[in-house]
Amino acid sequence: MSMAKRPAARATAAARKKRLTPRGERRGPNPLEATLSPEDPSIAEVADRVRQAGGVVAGAYRDPLGAGALALAILPVASIAPTPFQRELSPTHARRLAERIEQSGAFLDPIIAVADPQGARFWTPNGRHRLAAANLLGLRSMVALVSADRHLAFRILALNTEKAHNLRDRSLEVIRMARALSRERRGAKESDYAAEFESPALLTLGILYEENRRFSGGAYLPMLRKLDRFAAIGLGVSLRNREGQAARIADIDRRVGTIVERLKARGFRSPYLRAYVVARVNPVRWTREKPGSDKPPMALGEALTRMGRSVRDFDVDSVKSSDLAVLAAVAPSEVD
């Protein structure tokens, strides 16, 4: 292929990647099959719960993908609470959302709700800021899609795009979810919830963020992605193991902080100082994972032992400004 044709070929390949090709075979119920009566037995329990909370079932239907029964309900705002493992509320975002809703003159977006297993109220796994906005606006009621599957609350993290999660948000939500599941489903394995937790690194980082909201998780994420794996043991036991690993990382990070201060004393001023030091002591920084293999290149415990030694022996005088310039050029967009 000539040099002139290569850019055109690359452009064609890029266009193919961007093209959205619909699935050939359609699935799920058709519109007539999706229709349900509010009195249908499949939503009887949900309908009773809605009425007990002072709400009304306005309609019902089958989900277009899984065909599960859903109730379209109008619920009292006072009967709804966010799931206890959700990220913190952003007051700024809630106020801005309330202002925009007020300006539009309509509250159009239903929240998703499931029965609170601890009481008579409802949990919303993805509507915390809309719920806060409804309270700021003084609303009496909200429209909700109510599912009889209360475990949906543990599977919805990936769909929550109302306000983009950063690494800390995702990690805290995942560790809270894990703690809730460990209490509710004793004996369940951590590996059973790989889809819900998204990444094992988020569990470990979540424990670190619980202790220190300003923890620089982004600096340790590359190492954890290579080494951290879901454990095929009970969730409660696994979380205790992770707490031990997190304590070791926190200790390493405290010593990294001392190195960063020494670098600052030498005149270095860069937002990537901590990431640079952690990358230097990361024992798998240059290790490539084998394609198709889920086996980590090194046990996490061994890696933390090596990191501890490397931090202890770190030579501050060996750091050059050019090293930091290279790191800044290739640093990930998500820095804590």
C-alpha atoms as a PDB file:
ATOM      1  CA  MET A   1       0.000   0.000   0.000  1.00  0.00           C
ATOM      2  CA  SER A   2       1.372   3.442  -0.936  1.00  0.00           C
ATOM      3  CA  MET A   3       1.954   6.162   1.663  1.00  0.00           C
ATOM      4  CA  ALA A   4      -0.842   8.208   0.063  1.00  0.00           C
ATOM      5  CA  LYS A   5      -3.395   5.453   0.579  1.00  0.00           C
ATOM      6  CA  ARG A   6      -2.527   4.671   4.207  1.00  0.00           C
ATOM      7  CA  PRO A   7      -4.285   7.709   5.796  1.00  0.00           C
ATOM      8  CA  ALA A   8      -7.435   6.936   3.807  1.00  0.00           C
ATOM      9  CA  ALA A   9      -7.345   3.302   4.962  1.00  0.00           C
ATOM     10  CA  ARG A  10      -6.927   4.371   8.585  1.00  0.00           C
ATOM     11  CA  ALA A  11      -9.831   6.813   8.219  1.00  0.00           C
ATOM     12  CA  THR A  12     -12.034   4.038   6.803  1.00  0.00           C
ATOM     13  CA  ALA A  13     -11.132   1.701   9.696  1.00  0.00           C
ATOM     14  CA  ALA A  14     -11.877   4.446  12.208  1.00  0.00           C
ATOM     15  CA  ALA A  15     -15.256   5.085  10.577  1.00  0.00           C
ATOM     16  CA  ARG A  16     -16.126   1.370  10.841  1.00  0.00           C
ATOM     17  CA  LYS A  17     -15.322   1.422  14.561  1.00  0.00           C
ATOM     18  CA  LYS A  18     -17.630   4.395  15.127  1.00  0.00           C
ATOM     19  CA  ARG A  19     -20.503   2.905  13.139  1.00  0.00           C
ATOM     20  CA  LEU A  20     -23.413   1.691  15.262  1.00  0.00           C
ATOM     21  CA  THR A  21     -24.673  -1.605  13.889  1.00  0.00           C
ATOM     22  CA  PRO A  22     -28.080  -2.630  15.280  1.00  0.00           C
ATOM     23  CA  ARG A  23     -28.442  -6.184  16.534  1.00  0.00           C
ATOM     24  CA  GLY A  24     -29.855  -8.368  13.773  1.00  0.00           C
ATOM     25  CA  GLU A  25     -32.308 -10.305  15.935  1.00  0.00           C
ATOM     26  CA  ARG A  26     -34.778  -8.293  18.002  1.00  0.00           C
ATOM     27  CA  ARG A  27     -35.535  -9.448  21.534  1.00  0.00           C
ATOM     28  CA  GLY A  28     -37.763  -8.629  24.484  1.00  0.00           C
ATOM     29  CA  PRO A  29     -41.537  -8.261  24.565  1.00  0.00           C
ATOM     30  CA  ASN A  30     -43.384  -6.340  21.870  1.00  0.00           C
ATOM     31  CA  PRO A  31     -45.550  -3.381  22.964  1.00  0.00           C
ATOM     32  CA  LEU A  32     -48.723  -5.453  23.426  1.00  0.00           C
ATOM     33  CA  GLU A  33     -46.860  -8.106  25.424  1.00  0.00           C
ATOM     34  CA  ALA A  34     -45.203  -5.441  27.572  1.00  0.00           C
ATOM     35  CA  THR A  35     -48.486  -3.995  28.769  1.00  0.00           C
ATOM     36  CA  LEU A  36     -49.559  -4.959  32.280  1.00  0.00           C
ATOM     37  CA  SER A  37     -52.629  -4.098  34.321  1.00  0.00           C
ATOM     38  CA  PRO A  38     -51.864  -2.345  37.639  1.00  0.00           C
ATOM     39  CA  GLU A  39     -53.757  -5.266  39.201  1.00  0.00           C
ATOM     40  CA  ASP A  40     -51.530  -7.919  37.622  1.00  0.00           C
ATOM     41  CA  PRO A  41     -50.353 -10.531  40.212  1.00  0.00           C
ATOM     42  CA  SER A  42     -46.709 -10.026  39.179  1.00  0.00           C
ATOM     43  CA  ILE A  43     -46.707  -6.565  40.739  1.00  0.00           C
ATOM     44  CA  ALA A  44     -49.176  -7.228  43.567  1.00  0.00           C
ATOM     45  CA  GLU A  45     -46.480  -7.033  46.260  1.00  0.00           C
ATOM     46  CA  VAL A  46     -45.040  -3.829  44.818  1.00  0.00           C
ATOM     47  CA  ALA A  47     -48.513  -2.286  44.518  1.00  0.00           C
ATOM     48  CA  ASP A  48     -49.268  -3.098  48.166  1.00  0.00           C
ATOM     49  CA  ARG A  49     -45.979  -1.548  49.246  1.00  0.00           C
ATOM     50  CA  VAL A  50     -46.702   1.590  47.223  1.00  0.00           C
ATOM     51  CA  ARG A  51     -50.159   1.952  48.786  1.00  0.00           C
ATOM     52  CA  GLN A  52     -48.794   1.403  52.297  1.00  0.00           C
ATOM     53  CA  ALA A  53     -46.345   4.250  51.694  1.00  0.00           C
ATOM     54  CA  GLY A  54     -49.212   6.545  50.698  1.00  0.00           C
ATOM     55  CA  GLY A  55     -48.518   6.316  46.977  1.00  0.00           C
ATOM     56  CA  VAL A  56     -50.505   5.319  43.896  1.00  0.00           C
ATOM     57  CA  VAL A  57     -49.720   2.853  41.083  1.00  0.00           C
ATOM     58  CA  ALA A  58     -50.418   4.717  37.848  1.00  0.00           C
ATOM     59  CA  GLY A  59     -49.493   1.884  35.482  1.00  0.00           C
ATOM     60  CA  ALA A  60     -47.400  -1.223  34.965  1.00  0.00           C
ATOM     61  CA  TYR A  61     -45.370  -2.842  32.200  1.00  0.00           C
ATOM     62  CA  ARG A  62     -42.727  -5.431  31.443  1.00  0.00           C
ATOM     63  CA  ASP A  63     -39.147  -4.233  31.089  1.00  0.00           C
ATOM     64  CA  PRO A  64     -38.131  -4.153  27.370  1.00  0.00           C
ATOM     65  CA  LEU A  65     -34.958  -6.175  28.030  1.00  0.00           C
ATOM     66  CA  GLY A  66     -35.516  -8.678  30.831  1.00  0.00           C
ATOM     67  CA  ALA A  67     -39.344  -8.563  30.791  1.00  0.00           C
ATOM     68  CA  GLY A  68     -39.449  -8.096  34.567  1.00  0.00           C
ATOM     69  CA  ALA A  69     -42.539  -6.399  35.964  1.00  0.00           C
ATOM     70  CA  LEU A  70     -42.249  -2.694  36.764  1.00  0.00           C
ATOM     71  CA  ALA A  71     -44.783  -0.372  38.334  1.00  0.00           C
ATOM     72  CA  LEU A  72     -45.068   3.273  37.375  1.00  0.00           C
ATOM     73  CA  ALA A  73     -45.904   4.839  40.731  1.00  0.00           C
ATOM     74  CA  ILE A  74     -46.390   8.248  42.278  1.00  0.00           C
ATOM     75  CA  LEU A  75     -44.699   8.168  45.685  1.00  0.00           C
ATOM     76  CA  PRO A  76     -44.609  10.659  48.546  1.00  0.00           C
ATOM     77  CA  VAL A  77     -41.194  12.317  48.578  1.00  0.00           C
ATOM     78  CA  ALA A  78     -40.978  11.553  52.294  1.00  0.00           C
ATOM     79  CA  SER A  79     -41.178   7.811  51.556  1.00  0.00           C
ATOM     80  CA  ILE A  80     -37.985   7.771  49.429  1.00  0.00           C
ATOM     81  CA  ALA A  81     -34.368   7.653  50.555  1.00  0.00           C
ATOM     82  CA  PRO A  82     -31.091   7.082  48.673  1.00  0.00           C
ATOM     83  CA  THR A  83     -29.424   3.704  49.086  1.00  0.00           C
ATOM     84  CA  PRO A  84     -27.071   3.881  52.094  1.00  0.00           C
ATOM     85  CA  PHE A  85     -24.034   2.887  50.027  1.00  0.00           C
ATOM     86  CA  GLN A  86     -24.361   5.691  47.472  1.00  0.00           C
ATOM     87  CA  ARG A  87     -21.787   8.422  46.983  1.00  0.00           C
ATOM     88  CA  GLU A  88     -22.173  11.645  48.961  1.00  0.00           C
ATOM     89  CA  LEU A  89     -24.638  14.284  47.861  1.00  0.00           C
ATOM     90  CA  SER A  90     -23.172  17.258  46.004  1.00  0.00           C
ATOM     91  CA  PRO A  91     -25.111  20.274  47.384  1.00  0.00           C
ATOM     92  CA  THR A  92     -23.945  22.401  44.457  1.00  0.00           C
ATOM     93  CA  HIS A  93     -25.236  19.898  41.906  1.00  0.00           C
ATOM     94  CA  ALA A  94     -28.532  19.465  43.778  1.00  0.00           C
ATOM     95  CA  ARG A  95     -29.144  23.230  43.902  1.00  0.00           C
ATOM     96  CA  ARG A  96     -28.265  23.647  40.225  1.00  0.00           C
ATOM     97  CA  LEU A  97     -30.565  20.772  39.295  1.00  0.00           C
ATOM     98  CA  ALA A  98     -33.424  22.278  41.336  1.00  0.00           C
ATOM     99  CA  GLU A  99     -32.947  25.620  39.590  1.00  0.00           C
ATOM    100  CA  ARG A 100     -33.032  24.015  36.130  1.00  0.00           C
ATOM    101  CA  ILE A 101     -36.145  21.989  36.961  1.00  0.00           C
ATOM    102  CA  GLU A 102     -37.857  25.133  38.289  1.00  0.00           C
ATOM    103  CA  GLN A 103     -36.955  26.979  35.075  1.00  0.00           C
ATOM    104  CA  SER A 104     -38.318  24.172  32.892  1.00  0.00           C
ATOM    105  CA  GLY A 105     -41.612  24.159  34.751  1.00  0.00           C
ATOM    106  CA  ALA A 106     -41.782  20.338  34.867  1.00  0.00           C
ATOM    107  CA  PHE A 107     -40.160  17.499  36.822  1.00  0.00           C
ATOM    108  CA  LEU A 108     -39.937  14.967  33.984  1.00  0.00           C
ATOM    109  CA  ASP A 109     -37.424  12.299  35.018  1.00  0.00           C
ATOM    110  CA  PRO A 110     -38.760   9.375  37.075  1.00  0.00           C
ATOM    111  CA  ILE A 111     -36.402   7.851  39.585  1.00  0.00           C
ATOM    112  CA  ILE A 112     -35.875   4.110  40.013  1.00  0.00           C
ATOM    113  CA  ALA A 113     -37.050   2.717  43.347  1.00  0.00           C
ATOM    114  CA  VAL A 114     -36.938  -0.586  45.188  1.00  0.00           C
ATOM    115  CA  ALA A 115     -38.356  -1.579  48.544  1.00  0.00           C
ATOM    116  CA  ASP A 116     -36.144  -0.703  51.507  1.00  0.00           C
ATOM    117  CA  PRO A 117     -35.411  -4.101  53.103  1.00  0.00           C
ATOM    118  CA  GLN A 118     -35.175  -2.488  56.536  1.00  0.00           C
ATOM    119  CA  GLY A 119     -38.516  -0.683  56.597  1.00  0.00           C
ATOM    120  CA  ALA A 120     -41.617   0.580  54.827  1.00  0.00           C
ATOM    121  CA  ARG A 121     -39.857   3.191  52.699  1.00  0.00           C
ATOM    122  CA  PHE A 122     -38.272   2.971  49.256  1.00  0.00           C
ATOM    123  CA  TRP A 123     -34.641   3.160  48.209  1.00  0.00           C
ATOM    124  CA  THR A 124     -33.547   4.937  45.046  1.00  0.00           C
ATOM    125  CA  PRO A 125     -30.190   3.694  43.730  1.00  0.00           C
ATOM    126  CA  ASN A 126     -29.816   6.369  41.062  1.00  0.00           C
ATOM    127  CA  GLY A 127     -31.870   9.409  42.041  1.00  0.00           C
ATOM    128  CA  ARG A 128     -30.117  10.996  45.012  1.00  0.00           C
ATOM    129  CA  HIS A 129     -29.726  14.417  43.417  1.00  0.00           C
ATOM    130  CA  ARG A 130     -33.223  14.434  41.901  1.00  0.00           C
ATOM    131  CA  LEU A 131     -34.602  13.521  45.329  1.00  0.00           C
ATOM    132  CA  ALA A 132     -32.645  16.372  46.923  1.00  0.00           C
ATOM    133  CA  ALA A 133     -33.894  18.718  44.195  1.00  0.00           C
ATOM    134  CA  ALA A 134     -37.489  17.619  44.867  1.00  0.00           C
ATOM    135  CA  ASN A 135     -37.041  18.461  48.548  1.00  0.00           C
ATOM    136  CA  LEU A 136     -35.491  21.838  47.695  1.00  0.00           C
ATOM    137  CA  LEU A 137     -38.490  22.559  45.463  1.00  0.00           C
ATOM    138  CA  GLY A 138     -40.902  21.499  48.219  1.00  0.00           C
ATOM    139  CA  LEU A 139     -42.564  18.753  46.156  1.00  0.00           C
ATOM    140  CA  ARG A 140     -45.049  16.408  47.826  1.00  0.00           C
ATOM    141  CA  SER A 141     -44.564  13.529  45.382  1.00  0.00           C
ATOM    142  CA  MET A 142     -42.283  12.050  42.735  1.00  0.00           C
ATOM    143  CA  VAL A 143     -42.804   9.618  39.873  1.00  0.00           C
ATOM    144  CA  ALA A 144     -40.846   6.383  40.208  1.00  0.00           C
ATOM    145  CA  LEU A 145     -40.317   3.152  38.315  1.00  0.00           C
ATOM    146  CA  VAL A 146     -40.652   0.614  41.126  1.00  0.00           C
ATOM    147  CA  SER A 147     -39.056  -2.794  40.732  1.00  0.00           C
ATOM    148  CA  ALA A 148     -39.885  -5.867  42.765  1.00  0.00           C
ATOM    149  CA  ASP A 149     -36.231  -6.892  42.430  1.00  0.00           C
ATOM    150  CA  ARG A 150     -34.647  -5.003  45.302  1.00  0.00           C
ATOM    151  CA  HIS A 151     -31.223  -6.390  44.406  1.00  0.00           C
ATOM    152  CA  LEU A 152     -31.386  -4.127  41.347  1.00  0.00           C
ATOM    153  CA  ALA A 153     -30.038  -1.500  43.742  1.00  0.00           C
ATOM    154  CA  PHE A 154     -26.725  -3.346  43.775  1.00  0.00           C
ATOM    155  CA  ARG A 155     -26.484  -3.644  39.992  1.00  0.00           C
ATOM    156  CA  ILE A 156     -27.156  -0.118  38.878  1.00  0.00           C
ATOM    157  CA  LEU A 157     -23.828   1.630  39.548  1.00  0.00           C
ATOM    158  CA  ALA A 158     -22.732   1.337  35.910  1.00  0.00           C
ATOM    159  CA  LEU A 159     -25.932   3.082  34.736  1.00  0.00           C
ATOM    160  CA  ASN A 160     -25.612   6.069  37.044  1.00  0.00           C
ATOM    161  CA  THR A 161     -24.599   8.869  34.687  1.00  0.00           C
ATOM    162  CA  GLU A 162     -26.660  11.669  36.237  1.00  0.00           C
ATOM    163  CA  LYS A 163     -23.457  13.144  37.653  1.00  0.00           C
ATOM    164  CA  ALA A 164     -20.264  11.517  36.457  1.00  0.00           C
ATOM    165  CA  HIS A 165     -18.445   9.456  39.074  1.00  0.00           C
ATOM    166  CA  ASN A 166     -14.810  10.150  39.722  1.00  0.00           C
ATOM    167  CA  LEU A 167     -12.531   7.476  41.164  1.00  0.00           C
ATOM    168  CA  ARG A 168     -13.350   8.374  44.774  1.00  0.00           C
ATOM    169  CA  ASP A 169     -17.117   8.353  44.126  1.00  0.00           C
ATOM    170  CA  ARG A 170     -16.985   4.957  42.440  1.00  0.00           C
ATOM    171  CA  SER A 171     -14.731   3.438  45.094  1.00  0.00           C
ATOM    172  CA  LEU A 172     -16.811   4.648  48.034  1.00  0.00           C
ATOM    173  CA  GLU A 173     -20.046   3.471  46.450  1.00  0.00           C
ATOM    174  CA  VAL A 174     -18.581   0.026  45.721  1.00  0.00           C
ATOM    175  CA  ILE A 175     -17.179  -0.522  49.224  1.00  0.00           C
ATOM    176  CA  ARG A 176     -20.466   0.580  50.826  1.00  0.00           C
ATOM    177  CA  MET A 177     -22.319  -1.784  48.538  1.00  0.00           C
ATOM    178  CA  ALA A 178     -19.953  -4.606  49.500  1.00  0.00           C
ATOM    179  CA  ARG A 179     -20.443  -3.978  53.215  1.00  0.00           C
ATOM    180  CA  ALA A 180     -24.225  -3.950  52.786  1.00  0.00           C
ATOM    181  CA  LEU A 181     -24.134  -7.217  50.837  1.00  0.00           C
ATOM    182  CA  SER A 182     -21.831  -8.875  53.374  1.00  0.00           C
ATOM    183  CA  ARG A 183     -24.435  -8.202  56.074  1.00  0.00           C
ATOM    184  CA  GLU A 184     -27.403  -9.225  53.944  1.00  0.00           C
ATOM    185  CA  ARG A 185     -25.998 -12.313  52.206  1.00  0.00           C
ATOM    186  CA  ARG A 186     -23.740 -14.057  54.671  1.00  0.00           C
ATOM    187  CA  GLY A 187     -21.585 -16.703  53.034  1.00  0.00           C
ATOM    188  CA  ALA A 188     -21.756 -15.199  49.546  1.00  0.00           C
ATOM    189  CA  LYS A 189     -18.404 -15.024  47.762  1.00  0.00           C
ATOM    190  CA  GLU A 190     -16.838 -11.752  46.715  1.00  0.00           C
ATOM    191  CA  SER A 191     -16.342 -13.122  43.203  1.00  0.00           C
ATOM    192  CA  ASP A 192     -20.124 -13.588  42.900  1.00  0.00           C
ATOM    193  CA  TYR A 193     -20.461  -9.802  42.628  1.00  0.00           C
ATOM    194  CA  ALA A 194     -17.835  -9.039  39.985  1.00  0.00           C
ATOM    195  CA  ALA A 195     -20.425  -7.313  37.769  1.00  0.00           C
ATOM    196  CA  GLU A 196     -21.826  -5.217  40.637  1.00  0.00           C
ATOM    197  CA  PHE A 197     -18.416  -4.132  41.935  1.00  0.00           C
ATOM    198  CA  GLU A 198     -16.976  -3.433  38.459  1.00  0.00           C
ATOM    199  CA  SER A 199     -13.320  -3.768  39.551  1.00  0.00           C
ATOM    200  CA  PRO A 200     -11.580  -5.344  42.567  1.00  0.00           C
ATOM    201  CA  ALA A 201      -9.340  -2.276  42.767  1.00  0.00           C
ATOM    202  CA  LEU A 202     -12.384  -0.179  43.679  1.00  0.00           C
ATOM    203  CA  LEU A 203     -12.962  -2.292  46.799  1.00  0.00           C
ATOM    204  CA  THR A 204      -9.418  -1.745  48.064  1.00  0.00           C
ATOM    205  CA  LEU A 205      -9.421   1.944  47.160  1.00  0.00           C
ATOM    206  CA  GLY A 206     -12.856   2.350  48.752  1.00  0.00           C
ATOM    207  CA  ILE A 207     -11.456   1.241  52.121  1.00  0.00           C
ATOM    208  CA  LEU A 208      -8.629   3.764  51.746  1.00  0.00           C
ATOM    209  CA  TYR A 209     -11.046   6.565  50.837  1.00  0.00           C
ATOM    210  CA  GLU A 210     -13.201   5.702  53.870  1.00  0.00           C
ATOM    211  CA  GLU A 211     -10.214   6.534  56.071  1.00  0.00           C
ATOM    212  CA  ASN A 212      -8.923   9.464  54.032  1.00  0.00           C
ATOM    213  CA  ARG A 213     -11.151  11.278  51.526  1.00  0.00           C
ATOM    214  CA  ARG A 214      -8.068  13.009  50.106  1.00  0.00           C
ATOM    215  CA  PHE A 215      -6.213   9.772  49.423  1.00  0.00           C
ATOM    216  CA  SER A 216      -4.432   9.795  46.035  1.00  0.00           C
ATOM    217  CA  GLY A 217      -6.105   6.702  44.657  1.00  0.00           C
ATOM    218  CA  GLY A 218      -5.207   7.528  41.060  1.00  0.00           C
ATOM    219  CA  ALA A 219      -1.519   7.035  41.866  1.00  0.00           C
ATOM    220  CA  TYR A 220      -2.089   3.441  43.035  1.00  0.00           C
ATOM    221  CA  LEU A 221      -4.756   2.454  40.511  1.00  0.00           C
ATOM    222  CA  PRO A 222      -2.325   1.240  37.776  1.00  0.00           C
ATOM    223  CA  MET A 223      -0.704  -1.219  40.209  1.00  0.00           C
ATOM    224  CA  LEU A 224      -4.005  -2.434  41.645  1.00  0.00           C
ATOM    225  CA  ARG A 225      -5.479  -2.970  38.181  1.00  0.00           C
ATOM    226  CA  LYS A 226      -2.640  -5.356  37.396  1.00  0.00           C
ATOM    227  CA  LEU A 227      -2.608  -7.217  40.707  1.00  0.00           C
ATOM    228  CA  ASP A 228      -5.967  -6.991  42.479  1.00  0.00           C
ATOM    229  CA  ARG A 229      -8.459  -9.783  41.795  1.00  0.00           C
ATOM    230  CA  PHE A 230     -11.888 -10.751  43.114  1.00  0.00           C
ATOM    231  CA  ALA A 231     -11.535 -13.424  45.790  1.00  0.00           C
ATOM    232  CA  ALA A 232     -13.484 -16.690  45.650  1.00  0.00           C
ATOM    233  CA  ILE A 233     -14.040 -16.569  49.414  1.00  0.00           C
ATOM    234  CA  GLY A 234     -16.769 -15.192  51.656  1.00  0.00           C
ATOM    235  CA  LEU A 235     -17.362 -11.481  51.217  1.00  0.00           C
ATOM    236  CA  GLY A 236     -16.922 -10.725  54.924  1.00  0.00           C
ATOM    237  CA  VAL A 237     -13.572 -12.536  55.095  1.00  0.00           C
ATOM    238  CA  SER A 238     -12.425 -10.924  51.858  1.00  0.00           C
ATOM    239  CA  LEU A 239     -13.227  -7.445  53.139  1.00  0.00           C
ATOM    240  CA  ARG A 240     -11.171  -8.076  56.280  1.00  0.00           C
ATOM    241  CA  ASN A 241      -8.276  -9.199  54.091  1.00  0.00           C
ATOM    242  CA  ARG A 242      -8.634  -6.077  51.993  1.00  0.00           C
ATOM    243  CA  GLU A 243      -8.593  -3.913  55.110  1.00  0.00           C
ATOM    244  CA  GLY A 244      -5.182  -5.383  55.903  1.00  0.00           C
ATOM    245  CA  GLN A 245      -3.927  -4.663  52.389  1.00  0.00           C
ATOM    246  CA  ALA A 246      -5.357  -1.138  52.527  1.00  0.00           C
ATOM    247  CA  ALA A 247      -3.552  -0.513  55.839  1.00  0.00           C
ATOM    248  CA  ARG A 248      -0.263  -1.500  54.193  1.00  0.00           C
ATOM    249  CA  ILE A 249      -0.924   0.823  51.242  1.00  0.00           C
ATOM    250  CA  ALA A 250      -1.806   3.667  53.640  1.00  0.00           C
ATOM    251  CA  ASP A 251       1.498   3.123  55.465  1.00  0.00           C
ATOM    252  CA  ILE A 252       3.405   3.180  52.172  1.00  0.00           C
ATOM    253  CA  ASP A 253       1.546   6.337  51.173  1.00  0.00           C
ATOM    254  CA  ARG A 254       2.516   8.096  54.406  1.00  0.00           C
ATOM    255  CA  ARG A 255       6.166   7.396  53.611  1.00  0.00           C
ATOM    256  CA  VAL A 256       5.606   8.495  50.015  1.00  0.00           C
ATOM    257  CA  GLY A 257       4.257  11.764  51.444  1.00  0.00           C
ATOM    258  CA  THR A 258       7.553  12.290  53.277  1.00  0.00           C
ATOM    259  CA  ILE A 259       9.458  11.798  50.011  1.00  0.00           C
ATOM    260  CA  VAL A 260       7.153  14.277  48.259  1.00  0.00           C
ATOM    261  CA  GLU A 261       7.890  16.901  50.929  1.00  0.00           C
ATOM    262  CA  ARG A 262      11.621  16.352  50.458  1.00  0.00           C
ATOM    263  CA  LEU A 263      11.191  16.805  46.710  1.00  0.00           C
ATOM    264  CA  LYS A 264       9.306  20.039  47.308  1.00  0.00           C
ATOM    265  CA  ALA A 265      12.163  21.196  49.522  1.00  0.00           C
ATOM    266  CA  ARG A 266      14.459  20.663  46.537  1.00  0.00           C
ATOM    267  CA  GLY A 267      12.286  23.030  44.517  1.00  0.00           C
ATOM    268  CA  PHE A 268      10.056  20.589  42.633  1.00  0.00           C
ATOM    269  CA  ARG A 269       6.558  21.935  42.053  1.00  0.00           C
ATOM    270  CA  SER A 270       4.285  19.534  40.194  1.00  0.00           C
ATOM    271  CA  PRO A 271       0.814  18.046  40.780  1.00  0.00           C
ATOM    272  CA  TYR A 272       2.328  14.707  39.684  1.00  0.00           C
ATOM    273  CA  LEU A 273       4.962  14.400  42.418  1.00  0.00           C
ATOM    274  CA  ARG A 274       3.114  11.713  44.358  1.00  0.00           C
ATOM    275  CA  ALA A 275       2.155   9.814  41.210  1.00  0.00           C
ATOM    276  CA  TYR A 276       5.800   9.956  40.108  1.00  0.00           C
ATOM    277  CA  VAL A 277       7.108   8.532  43.386  1.00  0.00           C
ATOM    278  CA  VAL A 278       4.470   5.765  43.454  1.00  0.00           C
ATOM    279  CA  ALA A 279       5.245   4.874  39.832  1.00  0.00           C
ATOM    280  CA  ARG A 280       8.965   4.657  40.670  1.00  0.00           C
ATOM    281  CA  VAL A 281       8.356   2.188  43.507  1.00  0.00           C
ATOM    282  CA  ASN A 282       5.677   0.178  41.682  1.00  0.00           C
ATOM    283  CA  PRO A 283       7.259  -3.289  41.186  1.00  0.00           C
ATOM    284  CA  VAL A 284       5.001  -4.145  38.226  1.00  0.00           C
ATOM    285  CA  ARG A 285       5.222  -0.818  36.455  1.00  0.00           C
ATOM    286  CA  TRP A 286       6.853  -2.349  33.382  1.00  0.00           C
ATOM    287  CA  THR A 287       5.266  -5.790  33.658  1.00  0.00           C
ATOM    288  CA  ARG A 288       2.938  -6.760  30.836  1.00  0.00           C
ATOM    289  CA  GLU A 289      -0.044  -8.973  31.535  1.00  0.00           C
ATOM    290  CA  LYS A 290      -0.344 -12.116  29.443  1.00  0.00           C
ATOM    291  CA  PRO A 291      -3.190 -11.860  26.888  1.00  0.00           C
ATOM    292  CA  GLY A 292      -6.183 -13.956  27.901  1.00  0.00           C
ATOM    293  CA  SER A 293      -4.791 -14.712  31.377  1.00  0.00           C
ATOM    294  CA  ASP A 294      -6.440 -13.478  34.559  1.00  0.00           C
ATOM    295  CA  LYS A 295      -3.492 -14.546  36.719  1.00  0.00           C
ATOM    296  CA  PRO A 296      -1.744 -11.482  38.181  1.00  0.00           C
ATOM    297  CA  PRO A 297       1.969 -11.135  37.414  1.00  0.00           C
ATOM    298  CA  MET A 298       2.676 -10.969  41.148  1.00  0.00           C
ATOM    299  CA  ALA A 299       0.778 -11.455  44.399  1.00  0.00           C
ATOM    300  CA  LEU A 300      -0.427  -8.153  45.813  1.00  0.00           C
ATOM    301  CA  GLY A 301       1.139  -8.917  49.214  1.00  0.00           C
ATOM    302  CA  GLU A 302       4.545  -9.490  47.626  1.00  0.00           C
ATOM    303  CA  ALA A 303       4.196  -6.284  45.599  1.00  0.00           C
ATOM    304  CA  LEU A 304       3.440  -4.260  48.736  1.00  0.00           C
ATOM    305  CA  THR A 305       6.505  -5.743  50.469  1.00  0.00           C
ATOM    306  CA  ARG A 306       8.675  -4.699  47.523  1.00  0.00           C
ATOM    307  CA  MET A 307       7.092  -1.249  47.462  1.00  0.00           C
ATOM    308  CA  GLY A 308       7.836  -0.810  51.153  1.00  0.00           C
ATOM    309  CA  ARG A 309      11.531  -1.588  50.554  1.00  0.00           C
ATOM    310  CA  SER A 310      11.677   0.703  47.511  1.00  0.00           C
ATOM    311  CA  VAL A 311      10.130   3.590  49.433  1.00  0.00           C
ATOM    312  CA  ARG A 312      12.645   3.090  52.225  1.00  0.00           C
ATOM    313  CA  ASP A 313      15.565   3.156  49.750  1.00  0.00           C
ATOM    314  CA  PHE A 314      14.203   5.945  47.530  1.00  0.00           C
ATOM    315  CA  ASP A 315      16.977   8.325  46.400  1.00  0.00           C
ATOM    316  CA  VAL A 316      15.518  11.831  46.299  1.00  0.00           C
ATOM    317  CA  ASP A 317      18.705  13.194  44.707  1.00  0.00           C
ATOM    318  CA  SER A 318      18.191  10.959  41.650  1.00  0.00           C
ATOM    319  CA  VAL A 319      14.995  12.748  40.578  1.00  0.00           C
ATOM    320  CA  LYS A 320      15.294  14.996  37.515  1.00  0.00           C
ATOM    321  CA  SER A 321      12.860  17.610  36.238  1.00  0.00           C
ATOM    322  CA  SER A 322      12.751  15.815  32.892  1.00  0.00           C
ATOM    323  CA  ASP A 323      11.358  12.703  34.621  1.00  0.00           C
ATOM    324  CA  LEU A 324       8.370  14.678  35.903  1.00  0.00           C
ATOM    325  CA  ALA A 325       7.829  16.289  32.502  1.00  0.00           C
ATOM    326  CA  VAL A 326       7.500  12.851  30.889  1.00  0.00           C
ATOM    327  CA  LEU A 327       5.040  11.713  33.572  1.00  0.00           C
ATOM    328  CA  ALA A 328       2.892  14.829  33.078  1.00  0.00           C
ATOM    329  CA  ALA A 329       2.731  14.111  29.350  1.00  0.00           C
ATOM    330  CA  VAL A 330       1.444  10.562  29.782  1.00  0.00           C
ATOM    331  CA  ALA A 331      -0.520  10.945  33.043  1.00  0.00           C
ATOM    332  CA  PRO A 332      -4.117   9.628  33.068  1.00  0.00           C
ATOM    333  CA  SER A 333      -6.896  12.199  32.888  1.00  0.00           C
ATOM    334  CA  GLU A 334      -8.280  11.133  36.258  1.00  0.00           C
ATOM    335  CA  VAL A 335      -5.959  12.452  38.970  1.00  0.00           C
ATOM    336  CA  ASP A 336      -7.170  12.771  42.559  1.00  0.00           C
END
